[in-house]
Amino acid sequence: MLTYVARIWVPDRPGALGAVASRIGAVRGDVVGIEILERGGGRAIDELLIELPSPDLVPLLVAEMSQVDGVDVEDVRPVATPMHDPMLDALHTAAMLVEQPSVAELLELLVDQAHREFQADWSVVLDLGDAAPLVVVGEPPEPAWLRAFVSGGRASSSVATGECGPDDVGWAHLPAADLAVVLGRRSRAFRARERRRLVALAKIANHRWAELAGRQSRTLHPSAS
């Protein structure tokens, strides 16, 4: 069996998701996971983890789901492993973050894992003090643009907490270090649940950064301990 993630817009009413699942079953697909990314305006944006016996069935799958009244299919993409689970992936990343022995390794891991989990086109950890990119994956915009973007985002509490933001960029603040992790993705819009998940990972990294920085300070100045 092959595993796919389908991002769909469904009416936020009882029975709508069941009707979609029935259409998936009609093409010999099996829904093995569901994540609600966003709700509002009478609709929900869901990601369904679907097992299919053949990649040739993907176009038929899209056509069948689209036949459900009020349903729009935004994206269907294969996943690398059949056990793909956003919640488990996030917990695994959190565990690795708290295990990192140095600030440099912590930031490298944060960017690499965020880039992979969110399937970003580019990812960066930015020093907000002088807009210097500390860790870069892909080809992000110029540092001045990144700094201006984050500065604008910090002015809005709803953007800073991940409740909303532009479709193609997600970010989160590490206040103890005055850093920000910023991701860009053109293929699919960032949704509220994804933004909140990125903010949560940044909070864990921020806490670990503070621990490592404090440990380094005590090593350099033993009298402070």
N, C-alpha and C. Protein backbone atom coordinates (compact mmCIF):
# COMPACT_ATOMS: atom_id res chain seq x y z
N MET A 1 0.83 -1.20 0.00
CA MET A 1 0.00 0.00 0.00
C MET A 1 0.87 1.25 0.00
N LEU A 2 0.43 2.28 -0.71
CA LEU A 2 1.11 3.57 -0.76
C LEU A 2 0.34 4.58 0.08
N THR A 3 1.07 5.51 0.69
CA THR A 3 0.44 6.46 1.60
C THR A 3 0.50 7.87 1.02
N TYR A 4 -0.63 8.57 1.10
CA TYR A 4 -0.75 9.93 0.59
C TYR A 4 -1.39 10.82 1.65
N VAL A 5 -1.09 12.10 1.57
CA VAL A 5 -1.78 13.10 2.38
C VAL A 5 -2.62 13.94 1.44
N ALA A 6 -3.92 14.02 1.71
CA ALA A 6 -4.84 14.85 0.94
C ALA A 6 -5.28 16.02 1.80
N ARG A 7 -5.04 17.23 1.32
CA ARG A 7 -5.53 18.43 2.01
C ARG A 7 -6.83 18.86 1.33
N ILE A 8 -7.91 18.87 2.10
CA ILE A 8 -9.22 19.16 1.52
C ILE A 8 -9.97 20.21 2.33
N TRP A 9 -10.85 20.92 1.66
CA TRP A 9 -11.78 21.85 2.28
C TRP A 9 -13.14 21.17 2.33
N VAL A 10 -13.72 21.08 3.52
CA VAL A 10 -15.01 20.41 3.66
C VAL A 10 -16.00 21.30 4.40
N PRO A 11 -17.29 21.18 4.12
CA PRO A 11 -18.28 21.90 4.92
C PRO A 11 -18.18 21.47 6.39
N ASP A 12 -18.21 22.42 7.29
CA ASP A 12 -18.09 22.12 8.72
C ASP A 12 -19.46 21.73 9.28
N ARG A 13 -19.90 20.54 8.88
CA ARG A 13 -21.21 20.05 9.31
C ARG A 13 -21.15 18.54 9.47
N PRO A 14 -22.02 17.98 10.31
CA PRO A 14 -22.00 16.52 10.51
C PRO A 14 -22.23 15.78 9.20
N GLY A 15 -21.47 14.72 9.02
CA GLY A 15 -21.65 13.85 7.86
C GLY A 15 -20.79 14.18 6.67
N ALA A 16 -20.23 15.41 6.62
CA ALA A 16 -19.45 15.80 5.45
C ALA A 16 -18.20 14.94 5.30
N LEU A 17 -17.48 14.76 6.42
CA LEU A 17 -16.26 13.98 6.35
C LEU A 17 -16.56 12.51 6.08
N GLY A 18 -17.68 12.03 6.60
CA GLY A 18 -18.08 10.65 6.34
C GLY A 18 -18.35 10.42 4.86
N ALA A 19 -18.95 11.42 4.22
CA ALA A 19 -19.21 11.30 2.79
C ALA A 19 -17.91 11.25 1.99
N VAL A 20 -16.90 12.03 2.44
CA VAL A 20 -15.60 12.00 1.78
C VAL A 20 -14.96 10.62 1.97
N ALA A 21 -15.03 10.10 3.20
CA ALA A 21 -14.43 8.79 3.48
C ALA A 21 -15.08 7.70 2.63
N SER A 22 -16.39 7.84 2.40
CA SER A 22 -17.08 6.86 1.56
C SER A 22 -16.56 6.89 0.13
N ARG A 23 -16.30 8.10 -0.38
CA ARG A 23 -15.76 8.23 -1.73
C ARG A 23 -14.34 7.66 -1.82
N ILE A 24 -13.58 7.85 -0.75
CA ILE A 24 -12.22 7.29 -0.73
C ILE A 24 -12.29 5.76 -0.76
N GLY A 25 -13.22 5.21 0.00
CA GLY A 25 -13.38 3.76 0.00
C GLY A 25 -13.81 3.22 -1.36
N ALA A 26 -14.53 4.03 -2.12
CA ALA A 26 -15.00 3.59 -3.43
C ALA A 26 -13.86 3.37 -4.40
N VAL A 27 -12.69 4.01 -4.16
CA VAL A 27 -11.52 3.78 -5.03
C VAL A 27 -10.48 2.89 -4.33
N ARG A 28 -10.97 2.11 -3.35
CA ARG A 28 -10.14 1.16 -2.60
C ARG A 28 -9.09 1.84 -1.72
N GLY A 29 -9.41 3.09 -1.32
CA GLY A 29 -8.54 3.79 -0.40
C GLY A 29 -8.99 3.59 1.05
N ASP A 30 -8.07 3.81 1.98
CA ASP A 30 -8.36 3.64 3.41
C ASP A 30 -7.84 4.86 4.16
N VAL A 31 -8.73 5.54 4.89
CA VAL A 31 -8.32 6.70 5.69
C VAL A 31 -7.72 6.19 7.00
N VAL A 32 -6.43 6.50 7.22
CA VAL A 32 -5.75 5.99 8.42
C VAL A 32 -5.34 7.12 9.37
N GLY A 33 -5.66 8.36 9.03
CA GLY A 33 -5.34 9.47 9.92
C GLY A 33 -6.03 10.74 9.44
N ILE A 34 -6.38 11.60 10.41
CA ILE A 34 -7.05 12.87 10.12
C ILE A 34 -6.44 13.96 11.00
N GLU A 35 -6.15 15.11 10.40
CA GLU A 35 -5.71 16.28 11.16
C GLU A 35 -6.51 17.48 10.68
N ILE A 36 -7.14 18.19 11.62
CA ILE A 36 -7.89 19.40 11.30
C ILE A 36 -6.93 20.58 11.40
N LEU A 37 -6.68 21.23 10.27
CA LEU A 37 -5.72 22.32 10.22
C LEU A 37 -6.33 23.67 10.57
N GLU A 38 -7.58 23.86 10.22
CA GLU A 38 -8.19 25.18 10.40
C GLU A 38 -9.70 25.05 10.28
N ARG A 39 -10.44 25.89 11.02
CA ARG A 39 -11.90 25.92 10.92
C ARG A 39 -12.35 27.37 10.91
N GLY A 40 -13.42 27.66 10.16
CA GLY A 40 -13.95 29.01 10.15
C GLY A 40 -14.79 29.24 8.91
N GLY A 41 -15.77 30.15 9.03
CA GLY A 41 -16.61 30.48 7.90
C GLY A 41 -17.43 29.32 7.40
N GLY A 42 -17.75 28.38 8.28
CA GLY A 42 -18.57 27.24 7.88
C GLY A 42 -17.83 26.13 7.16
N ARG A 43 -16.48 26.23 7.11
CA ARG A 43 -15.69 25.20 6.44
C ARG A 43 -14.52 24.80 7.33
N ALA A 44 -14.01 23.61 7.08
CA ALA A 44 -12.81 23.12 7.76
C ALA A 44 -11.79 22.71 6.72
N ILE A 45 -10.53 22.90 7.06
CA ILE A 45 -9.44 22.43 6.21
C ILE A 45 -8.81 21.24 6.92
N ASP A 46 -8.92 20.08 6.32
CA ASP A 46 -8.45 18.84 6.92
C ASP A 46 -7.34 18.24 6.07
N GLU A 47 -6.44 17.51 6.73
CA GLU A 47 -5.49 16.66 6.02
C GLU A 47 -5.80 15.21 6.37
N LEU A 48 -6.03 14.43 5.34
CA LEU A 48 -6.35 13.02 5.51
C LEU A 48 -5.16 12.17 5.09
N LEU A 49 -4.79 11.24 5.93
CA LEU A 49 -3.74 10.27 5.60
C LEU A 49 -4.43 9.06 4.98
N ILE A 50 -4.12 8.79 3.72
CA ILE A 50 -4.86 7.80 2.94
C ILE A 50 -3.90 6.76 2.38
N GLU A 51 -4.28 5.50 2.53
CA GLU A 51 -3.53 4.41 1.91
C GLU A 51 -4.26 3.99 0.64
N LEU A 52 -3.48 3.88 -0.46
CA LEU A 52 -4.01 3.46 -1.75
C LEU A 52 -3.18 2.29 -2.28
N PRO A 53 -3.81 1.36 -3.01
CA PRO A 53 -3.04 0.22 -3.54
C PRO A 53 -2.19 0.57 -4.76
N SER A 54 -2.48 1.72 -5.42
CA SER A 54 -1.74 2.05 -6.64
C SER A 54 -1.71 3.56 -6.85
N PRO A 55 -0.58 4.12 -7.33
CA PRO A 55 -0.53 5.56 -7.63
C PRO A 55 -1.45 5.94 -8.79
N ASP A 56 -1.81 4.97 -9.62
CA ASP A 56 -2.70 5.25 -10.74
C ASP A 56 -4.10 5.68 -10.27
N LEU A 57 -4.40 5.41 -8.99
CA LEU A 57 -5.72 5.73 -8.47
C LEU A 57 -5.83 7.17 -7.95
N VAL A 58 -4.72 7.90 -7.90
CA VAL A 58 -4.74 9.26 -7.34
C VAL A 58 -5.68 10.18 -8.11
N PRO A 59 -5.61 10.25 -9.45
CA PRO A 59 -6.57 11.13 -10.16
C PRO A 59 -8.03 10.76 -9.88
N LEU A 60 -8.31 9.46 -9.82
CA LEU A 60 -9.68 9.03 -9.52
C LEU A 60 -10.06 9.40 -8.09
N LEU A 61 -9.12 9.28 -7.18
CA LEU A 61 -9.36 9.68 -5.79
C LEU A 61 -9.76 11.15 -5.71
N VAL A 62 -9.00 12.00 -6.39
CA VAL A 62 -9.30 13.44 -6.39
C VAL A 62 -10.68 13.70 -6.98
N ALA A 63 -10.97 13.04 -8.08
CA ALA A 63 -12.27 13.22 -8.73
C ALA A 63 -13.42 12.79 -7.82
N GLU A 64 -13.26 11.66 -7.13
CA GLU A 64 -14.32 11.15 -6.25
C GLU A 64 -14.54 12.09 -5.07
N MET A 65 -13.47 12.54 -4.43
CA MET A 65 -13.64 13.45 -3.28
C MET A 65 -14.28 14.76 -3.71
N SER A 66 -13.92 15.23 -4.90
CA SER A 66 -14.46 16.50 -5.39
C SER A 66 -15.95 16.41 -5.70
N GLN A 67 -16.47 15.20 -5.83
CA GLN A 67 -17.89 15.03 -6.13
C GLN A 67 -18.77 15.30 -4.90
N VAL A 68 -18.19 15.27 -3.72
CA VAL A 68 -18.97 15.55 -2.50
C VAL A 68 -19.32 17.03 -2.47
N ASP A 69 -20.56 17.34 -2.23
CA ASP A 69 -21.04 18.71 -2.25
C ASP A 69 -20.28 19.59 -1.25
N GLY A 70 -19.70 20.68 -1.76
CA GLY A 70 -19.00 21.62 -0.89
C GLY A 70 -17.55 21.28 -0.62
N VAL A 71 -17.03 20.20 -1.21
CA VAL A 71 -15.65 19.77 -0.95
C VAL A 71 -14.73 20.24 -2.08
N ASP A 72 -13.59 20.80 -1.69
CA ASP A 72 -12.54 21.17 -2.65
C ASP A 72 -11.25 20.47 -2.24
N VAL A 73 -10.55 19.90 -3.19
CA VAL A 73 -9.28 19.23 -2.93
C VAL A 73 -8.16 20.21 -3.25
N GLU A 74 -7.41 20.58 -2.22
CA GLU A 74 -6.32 21.54 -2.40
C GLU A 74 -5.05 20.87 -2.89
N ASP A 75 -4.77 19.66 -2.36
CA ASP A 75 -3.47 19.05 -2.64
C ASP A 75 -3.52 17.58 -2.26
N VAL A 76 -2.87 16.74 -3.06
CA VAL A 76 -2.64 15.34 -2.70
C VAL A 76 -1.17 15.05 -2.96
N ARG A 77 -0.48 14.56 -1.96
CA ARG A 77 0.96 14.34 -2.10
C ARG A 77 1.36 13.04 -1.40
N PRO A 78 2.36 12.36 -1.94
CA PRO A 78 2.84 11.13 -1.28
C PRO A 78 3.65 11.47 -0.05
N VAL A 79 3.71 10.56 0.90
CA VAL A 79 4.55 10.73 2.08
C VAL A 79 5.65 9.69 2.05
N ALA A 80 6.76 10.04 2.70
CA ALA A 80 7.95 9.19 2.60
C ALA A 80 7.77 7.86 3.30
N THR A 81 7.04 7.87 4.42
CA THR A 81 6.87 6.64 5.20
C THR A 81 5.41 6.43 5.50
N PRO A 82 4.95 5.19 5.56
CA PRO A 82 3.54 4.92 5.82
C PRO A 82 3.11 5.31 7.23
N MET A 83 4.06 5.51 8.15
CA MET A 83 3.72 5.84 9.53
C MET A 83 3.73 7.36 9.77
N HIS A 84 3.69 8.16 8.71
CA HIS A 84 3.65 9.60 8.85
C HIS A 84 2.52 10.01 9.78
N ASP A 85 2.86 10.78 10.81
CA ASP A 85 1.87 11.26 11.79
C ASP A 85 2.37 12.59 12.31
N PRO A 86 1.69 13.70 12.00
CA PRO A 86 2.19 15.02 12.41
C PRO A 86 2.42 15.14 13.92
N MET A 87 1.53 14.56 14.73
CA MET A 87 1.69 14.67 16.18
C MET A 87 2.92 13.90 16.66
N LEU A 88 3.10 12.68 16.16
CA LEU A 88 4.27 11.90 16.55
C LEU A 88 5.56 12.54 16.05
N ASP A 89 5.51 13.08 14.82
CA ASP A 89 6.69 13.77 14.29
C ASP A 89 7.08 14.94 15.18
N ALA A 90 6.08 15.71 15.62
CA ALA A 90 6.35 16.87 16.48
C ALA A 90 6.93 16.44 17.82
N LEU A 91 6.40 15.36 18.41
CA LEU A 91 6.93 14.87 19.69
C LEU A 91 8.36 14.36 19.53
N HIS A 92 8.61 13.69 18.43
CA HIS A 92 9.97 13.19 18.16
C HIS A 92 10.95 14.36 18.03
N THR A 93 10.54 15.39 17.32
CA THR A 93 11.40 16.57 17.18
C THR A 93 11.61 17.25 18.52
N ALA A 94 10.57 17.36 19.34
CA ALA A 94 10.70 17.97 20.67
C ALA A 94 11.71 17.22 21.52
N ALA A 95 11.63 15.88 21.48
CA ALA A 95 12.57 15.08 22.26
C ALA A 95 14.01 15.32 21.80
N MET A 96 14.22 15.40 20.49
CA MET A 96 15.58 15.64 19.99
C MET A 96 16.08 17.04 20.36
N LEU A 97 15.18 18.03 20.36
CA LEU A 97 15.59 19.39 20.70
C LEU A 97 16.14 19.47 22.12
N VAL A 98 15.46 18.84 23.06
CA VAL A 98 15.90 18.94 24.46
C VAL A 98 17.16 18.11 24.72
N GLU A 99 17.53 17.25 23.78
CA GLU A 99 18.74 16.43 23.94
C GLU A 99 20.00 17.08 23.37
N GLN A 100 19.85 18.20 22.66
CA GLN A 100 21.01 18.78 21.99
C GLN A 100 22.02 19.34 22.99
N PRO A 101 23.32 19.04 22.79
CA PRO A 101 24.33 19.41 23.78
C PRO A 101 24.92 20.81 23.59
N SER A 102 24.60 21.48 22.47
CA SER A 102 25.18 22.81 22.25
C SER A 102 24.18 23.69 21.51
N VAL A 103 24.39 25.01 21.60
CA VAL A 103 23.51 25.96 20.92
C VAL A 103 23.57 25.75 19.42
N ALA A 104 24.76 25.57 18.87
CA ALA A 104 24.90 25.40 17.42
C ALA A 104 24.13 24.17 16.94
N GLU A 105 24.25 23.06 17.66
CA GLU A 105 23.55 21.83 17.26
C GLU A 105 22.04 21.99 17.43
N LEU A 106 21.63 22.73 18.45
CA LEU A 106 20.21 22.98 18.69
C LEU A 106 19.59 23.73 17.51
N LEU A 107 20.24 24.80 17.08
CA LEU A 107 19.70 25.61 15.99
C LEU A 107 19.72 24.85 14.67
N GLU A 108 20.76 24.09 14.44
CA GLU A 108 20.83 23.27 13.22
C GLU A 108 19.67 22.28 13.19
N LEU A 109 19.43 21.63 14.31
CA LEU A 109 18.36 20.64 14.36
C LEU A 109 17.00 21.30 14.19
N LEU A 110 16.80 22.44 14.84
CA LEU A 110 15.52 23.14 14.73
C LEU A 110 15.20 23.45 13.28
N VAL A 111 16.16 24.00 12.56
CA VAL A 111 15.93 24.36 11.16
C VAL A 111 15.73 23.12 10.30
N ASP A 112 16.59 22.12 10.47
CA ASP A 112 16.49 20.92 9.64
C ASP A 112 15.16 20.20 9.84
N GLN A 113 14.74 20.05 11.11
CA GLN A 113 13.50 19.33 11.39
C GLN A 113 12.28 20.13 10.94
N ALA A 114 12.29 21.43 11.18
CA ALA A 114 11.17 22.26 10.74
C ALA A 114 11.06 22.24 9.22
N HIS A 115 12.20 22.32 8.56
CA HIS A 115 12.21 22.29 7.09
C HIS A 115 11.60 20.99 6.57
N ARG A 116 11.94 19.89 7.22
CA ARG A 116 11.43 18.59 6.78
C ARG A 116 9.96 18.41 7.14
N GLU A 117 9.60 18.69 8.38
CA GLU A 117 8.24 18.44 8.84
C GLU A 117 7.21 19.28 8.10
N PHE A 118 7.57 20.53 7.82
CA PHE A 118 6.63 21.42 7.15
C PHE A 118 6.83 21.45 5.64
N GLN A 119 7.77 20.64 5.15
CA GLN A 119 8.05 20.55 3.72
C GLN A 119 8.24 21.94 3.12
N ALA A 120 9.11 22.70 3.76
CA ALA A 120 9.36 24.09 3.35
C ALA A 120 10.28 24.15 2.14
N ASP A 121 10.19 25.24 1.40
CA ASP A 121 11.11 25.49 0.30
C ASP A 121 12.42 26.09 0.82
N TRP A 122 12.32 26.89 1.88
CA TRP A 122 13.51 27.44 2.53
C TRP A 122 13.21 27.64 4.01
N SER A 123 14.27 27.59 4.80
CA SER A 123 14.14 27.75 6.25
C SER A 123 15.38 28.44 6.78
N VAL A 124 15.20 29.24 7.84
CA VAL A 124 16.32 30.01 8.36
C VAL A 124 16.10 30.32 9.84
N VAL A 125 17.19 30.34 10.61
CA VAL A 125 17.19 30.95 11.94
C VAL A 125 17.86 32.30 11.81
N LEU A 126 17.14 33.32 12.25
CA LEU A 126 17.57 34.70 12.04
C LEU A 126 17.91 35.36 13.37
N ASP A 127 19.08 36.01 13.44
CA ASP A 127 19.45 36.82 14.59
C ASP A 127 18.76 38.17 14.44
N LEU A 128 17.78 38.46 15.32
CA LEU A 128 17.01 39.68 15.16
C LEU A 128 17.79 40.93 15.55
N GLY A 129 18.92 40.74 16.22
CA GLY A 129 19.74 41.88 16.59
C GLY A 129 20.38 42.57 15.40
N ASP A 130 20.85 41.78 14.42
CA ASP A 130 21.47 42.38 13.25
C ASP A 130 21.01 41.73 11.94
N ALA A 131 19.92 40.95 12.02
CA ALA A 131 19.31 40.31 10.85
C ALA A 131 20.24 39.30 10.18
N ALA A 132 21.23 38.80 10.89
CA ALA A 132 22.15 37.83 10.30
C ALA A 132 21.52 36.44 10.32
N PRO A 133 21.47 35.76 9.18
CA PRO A 133 21.01 34.37 9.16
C PRO A 133 22.06 33.46 9.81
N LEU A 134 21.69 32.73 10.83
CA LEU A 134 22.64 31.86 11.53
C LEU A 134 22.66 30.46 10.94
N VAL A 135 21.51 29.96 10.54
CA VAL A 135 21.40 28.64 9.90
C VAL A 135 20.45 28.79 8.72
N VAL A 136 20.82 28.26 7.58
CA VAL A 136 20.02 28.43 6.36
C VAL A 136 19.87 27.09 5.64
N VAL A 137 18.65 26.78 5.22
CA VAL A 137 18.38 25.66 4.33
C VAL A 137 17.60 26.22 3.14
N GLY A 138 18.04 25.92 1.94
CA GLY A 138 17.39 26.46 0.76
C GLY A 138 17.86 27.87 0.45
N GLU A 139 17.02 28.63 -0.22
CA GLU A 139 17.37 29.98 -0.64
C GLU A 139 16.32 30.98 -0.13
N PRO A 140 16.49 31.48 1.10
CA PRO A 140 15.52 32.42 1.66
C PRO A 140 15.68 33.82 1.06
N PRO A 141 14.72 34.70 1.30
CA PRO A 141 14.86 36.09 0.87
C PRO A 141 16.03 36.77 1.57
N GLU A 142 16.32 38.01 1.17
CA GLU A 142 17.40 38.77 1.76
C GLU A 142 17.17 38.99 3.26
N PRO A 143 18.26 39.05 4.06
CA PRO A 143 18.10 39.24 5.50
C PRO A 143 17.27 40.47 5.88
N ALA A 144 17.42 41.56 5.15
CA ALA A 144 16.66 42.77 5.47
C ALA A 144 15.15 42.52 5.34
N TRP A 145 14.76 41.75 4.29
CA TRP A 145 13.34 41.42 4.13
C TRP A 145 12.87 40.54 5.27
N LEU A 146 13.66 39.54 5.64
CA LEU A 146 13.29 38.64 6.73
C LEU A 146 13.10 39.40 8.03
N ARG A 147 14.04 40.30 8.32
CA ARG A 147 13.93 41.07 9.56
C ARG A 147 12.69 41.96 9.56
N ALA A 148 12.40 42.60 8.41
CA ALA A 148 11.21 43.45 8.32
C ALA A 148 9.95 42.62 8.48
N PHE A 149 9.95 41.41 7.89
CA PHE A 149 8.79 40.54 8.01
C PHE A 149 8.53 40.16 9.47
N VAL A 150 9.59 39.73 10.17
CA VAL A 150 9.42 39.33 11.57
C VAL A 150 9.02 40.53 12.43
N SER A 151 9.61 41.69 12.18
CA SER A 151 9.25 42.88 12.95
C SER A 151 7.77 43.21 12.79
N GLY A 152 7.27 43.08 11.57
CA GLY A 152 5.85 43.31 11.34
C GLY A 152 4.99 42.27 12.03
N GLY A 153 5.43 41.02 12.00
CA GLY A 153 4.67 39.96 12.66
C GLY A 153 4.61 40.12 14.16
N ARG A 154 5.68 40.61 14.77
CA ARG A 154 5.71 40.78 16.22
C ARG A 154 4.75 41.87 16.68
N ALA A 155 4.37 42.75 15.78
CA ALA A 155 3.46 43.84 16.14
C ALA A 155 2.02 43.36 16.28
N SER A 156 1.73 42.15 15.81
CA SER A 156 0.38 41.59 15.90
C SER A 156 0.39 40.36 16.79
N SER A 157 -0.41 40.38 17.84
CA SER A 157 -0.43 39.24 18.77
C SER A 157 -0.97 37.99 18.09
N SER A 158 -1.94 38.13 17.20
CA SER A 158 -2.50 36.95 16.53
C SER A 158 -1.50 36.32 15.57
N VAL A 159 -0.67 37.15 14.93
CA VAL A 159 0.38 36.62 14.06
C VAL A 159 1.48 35.98 14.90
N ALA A 160 1.86 36.64 15.99
CA ALA A 160 2.95 36.14 16.83
C ALA A 160 2.61 34.81 17.48
N THR A 161 1.33 34.56 17.77
CA THR A 161 0.93 33.29 18.39
C THR A 161 0.59 32.22 17.36
N GLY A 162 0.66 32.56 16.08
CA GLY A 162 0.41 31.57 15.04
C GLY A 162 -1.03 31.43 14.62
N GLU A 163 -1.91 32.30 15.08
CA GLU A 163 -3.32 32.19 14.71
C GLU A 163 -3.56 32.57 13.26
N CYS A 164 -2.74 33.46 12.72
CA CYS A 164 -2.91 33.86 11.33
C CYS A 164 -1.56 34.34 10.79
N GLY A 165 -1.54 34.69 9.51
CA GLY A 165 -0.32 35.14 8.88
C GLY A 165 -0.41 34.93 7.38
N PRO A 166 0.62 35.34 6.64
CA PRO A 166 0.59 35.15 5.19
C PRO A 166 0.62 33.66 4.83
N ASP A 167 0.10 33.36 3.65
CA ASP A 167 0.00 31.96 3.24
C ASP A 167 1.36 31.30 3.04
N ASP A 168 2.35 32.07 2.57
CA ASP A 168 3.59 31.46 2.10
C ASP A 168 4.76 31.53 3.08
N VAL A 169 4.56 32.14 4.25
CA VAL A 169 5.65 32.25 5.23
C VAL A 169 5.11 31.96 6.62
N GLY A 170 5.84 31.14 7.37
CA GLY A 170 5.53 30.89 8.77
C GLY A 170 6.75 31.23 9.62
N TRP A 171 6.53 31.66 10.86
CA TRP A 171 7.67 32.03 11.70
C TRP A 171 7.31 31.86 13.17
N ALA A 172 8.34 31.82 14.00
CA ALA A 172 8.16 31.76 15.45
C ALA A 172 9.38 32.39 16.12
N HIS A 173 9.14 32.98 17.29
CA HIS A 173 10.16 33.74 18.01
C HIS A 173 10.81 32.88 19.09
N LEU A 174 12.12 33.04 19.28
CA LEU A 174 12.85 32.48 20.41
C LEU A 174 13.31 33.67 21.25
N PRO A 175 12.49 34.14 22.18
CA PRO A 175 12.78 35.41 22.87
C PRO A 175 14.04 35.39 23.73
N ALA A 176 14.36 34.26 24.34
CA ALA A 176 15.56 34.22 25.19
C ALA A 176 16.82 34.48 24.40
N ALA A 177 16.81 34.11 23.14
CA ALA A 177 17.98 34.28 22.29
C ALA A 177 17.82 35.45 21.32
N ASP A 178 16.64 36.07 21.28
CA ASP A 178 16.30 37.10 20.30
C ASP A 178 16.55 36.58 18.89
N LEU A 179 16.05 35.38 18.64
CA LEU A 179 16.15 34.75 17.34
C LEU A 179 14.74 34.47 16.81
N ALA A 180 14.67 34.18 15.54
CA ALA A 180 13.40 33.74 14.95
C ALA A 180 13.69 32.62 13.96
N VAL A 181 12.81 31.63 13.93
CA VAL A 181 12.87 30.61 12.88
C VAL A 181 11.79 30.97 11.87
N VAL A 182 12.18 31.05 10.60
CA VAL A 182 11.27 31.49 9.54
C VAL A 182 11.30 30.46 8.41
N LEU A 183 10.11 30.08 7.93
CA LEU A 183 9.97 29.08 6.88
C LEU A 183 9.19 29.66 5.71
N GLY A 184 9.56 29.28 4.50
CA GLY A 184 8.81 29.68 3.32
C GLY A 184 8.35 28.47 2.53
N ARG A 185 7.11 28.53 2.03
CA ARG A 185 6.56 27.40 1.27
C ARG A 185 5.59 27.93 0.22
N ARG A 186 5.85 27.62 -1.03
CA ARG A 186 5.00 28.11 -2.11
C ARG A 186 3.91 27.11 -2.50
N SER A 187 4.14 25.84 -2.25
CA SER A 187 3.25 24.81 -2.77
C SER A 187 1.90 24.76 -2.06
N ARG A 188 1.86 25.00 -0.75
CA ARG A 188 0.62 24.96 0.02
C ARG A 188 0.66 26.07 1.06
N ALA A 189 -0.50 26.62 1.35
CA ALA A 189 -0.59 27.68 2.35
C ALA A 189 -0.34 27.12 3.74
N PHE A 190 0.34 27.90 4.57
CA PHE A 190 0.44 27.56 5.98
C PHE A 190 -0.92 27.78 6.63
N ARG A 191 -1.34 26.83 7.46
CA ARG A 191 -2.61 26.92 8.15
C ARG A 191 -2.38 27.09 9.65
N ALA A 192 -3.47 27.46 10.36
CA ALA A 192 -3.35 27.85 11.76
C ALA A 192 -2.70 26.75 12.61
N ARG A 193 -3.10 25.50 12.41
CA ARG A 193 -2.55 24.42 13.23
C ARG A 193 -1.05 24.24 12.97
N GLU A 194 -0.64 24.39 11.71
CA GLU A 194 0.78 24.29 11.39
C GLU A 194 1.56 25.43 12.05
N ARG A 195 1.00 26.63 12.01
CA ARG A 195 1.67 27.77 12.63
C ARG A 195 1.82 27.57 14.14
N ARG A 196 0.75 27.08 14.77
CA ARG A 196 0.82 26.85 16.22
C ARG A 196 1.82 25.75 16.55
N ARG A 197 1.93 24.76 15.68
CA ARG A 197 2.90 23.69 15.92
C ARG A 197 4.33 24.23 15.82
N LEU A 198 4.57 25.14 14.86
CA LEU A 198 5.89 25.75 14.74
C LEU A 198 6.20 26.61 15.96
N VAL A 199 5.22 27.36 16.45
CA VAL A 199 5.41 28.17 17.66
C VAL A 199 5.75 27.28 18.85
N ALA A 200 5.08 26.14 18.96
CA ALA A 200 5.34 25.22 20.07
C ALA A 200 6.77 24.67 20.01
N LEU A 201 7.23 24.29 18.82
CA LEU A 201 8.60 23.79 18.69
C LEU A 201 9.61 24.88 19.03
N ALA A 202 9.32 26.11 18.62
CA ALA A 202 10.21 27.22 18.94
C ALA A 202 10.28 27.45 20.44
N LYS A 203 9.17 27.29 21.15
CA LYS A 203 9.17 27.45 22.61
C LYS A 203 10.09 26.41 23.27
N ILE A 204 10.04 25.18 22.77
CA ILE A 204 10.90 24.13 23.32
C ILE A 204 12.37 24.46 23.04
N ALA A 205 12.65 24.88 21.80
CA ALA A 205 14.03 25.26 21.45
C ALA A 205 14.49 26.46 22.27
N ASN A 206 13.58 27.40 22.51
CA ASN A 206 13.93 28.57 23.31
C ASN A 206 14.31 28.18 24.73
N HIS A 207 13.54 27.27 25.30
CA HIS A 207 13.83 26.80 26.66
C HIS A 207 15.18 26.09 26.71
N ARG A 208 15.45 25.25 25.72
CA ARG A 208 16.73 24.55 25.69
C ARG A 208 17.88 25.53 25.47
N TRP A 209 17.67 26.53 24.63
CA TRP A 209 18.70 27.56 24.42
C TRP A 209 19.04 28.24 25.73
N ALA A 210 18.04 28.59 26.51
CA ALA A 210 18.27 29.26 27.80
C ALA A 210 19.07 28.36 28.74
N GLU A 211 18.74 27.06 28.75
CA GLU A 211 19.49 26.12 29.59
C GLU A 211 20.96 26.06 29.16
N LEU A 212 21.19 25.94 27.87
CA LEU A 212 22.57 25.82 27.37
C LEU A 212 23.35 27.11 27.59
N ALA A 213 22.70 28.26 27.37
CA ALA A 213 23.37 29.54 27.57
C ALA A 213 23.72 29.73 29.04
N GLY A 214 22.81 29.35 29.94
CA GLY A 214 23.09 29.46 31.36
C GLY A 214 24.21 28.54 31.81
N ARG A 215 24.25 27.34 31.24
CA ARG A 215 25.33 26.40 31.58
C ARG A 215 26.67 26.93 31.11
N GLN A 216 26.69 27.51 29.90
CA GLN A 216 27.93 28.08 29.38
C GLN A 216 28.40 29.25 30.24
N SER A 217 27.45 30.07 30.70
CA SER A 217 27.80 31.21 31.55
C SER A 217 28.41 30.76 32.86
N ARG A 218 27.85 29.70 33.45
CA ARG A 218 28.40 29.19 34.72
C ARG A 218 29.78 28.58 34.53
N THR A 219 30.00 27.98 33.35
CA THR A 219 31.33 27.40 33.06
C THR A 219 32.37 28.48 32.94
N LEU A 220 32.00 29.58 32.30
CA LEU A 220 32.95 30.68 32.12
C LEU A 220 33.16 31.46 33.40
N HIS A 221 32.13 31.52 34.25
CA HIS A 221 32.21 32.27 35.50
C HIS A 221 31.73 31.39 36.65
N PRO A 222 32.56 30.48 37.12
CA PRO A 222 32.15 29.54 38.18
C PRO A 222 31.62 30.23 39.42
N SER A 223 32.06 31.44 39.73
CA SER A 223 31.62 32.11 40.94
C SER A 223 30.14 32.48 40.89
N ALA A 224 29.54 32.43 39.66
CA ALA A 224 28.13 32.79 39.52
C ALA A 224 27.21 31.65 39.90
N SER A 225 27.73 30.43 40.05
CA SER A 225 26.88 29.28 40.33
C SER A 225 26.57 29.12 41.80
